[in-house]
Amino acid sequence: TEVILVIMVIYVTMVYGPIAAFLVEVFPTKIRYTSMSLPYHIGNGWFGGMLPLTATAMVAATGDIYYDLWYPIVVSIMTLVIGALFLSETRHRDIRTYDHSMLP
């Protein structure tokens, strides 16, 4: 019903708001648009766009209708691990003057 749709929209806005703020802080001003757009859209295209095909193939291969839930779980865990290992803290950093070449 409409209530479920509203709840889902609220969940999506809870995800996309912080993503935009985070991506602005990660990349230097001179290359920010390309640096934000390219990985974001490739990631959404490959992992999000391939989700229906991959999930259907996983269910067809195993016969278990819930087996396809492993795909988003594994992608989420990969994102968490990669983010924890390779992304630095951006708090207290001036995004206009910070020298990104000094990143660890």
Foldseek 3Di string as FASTA:
>chain_A
DVVVVVVVVVVVCVPVVVLVVVLLLQDAPVCSVVSSPVVVVVCCCVLVVCLVVVLVVQCVVPVDNCRSVVSVVVVVVVVVVCCVVPGDDRPPPDRHPDDNVPGD
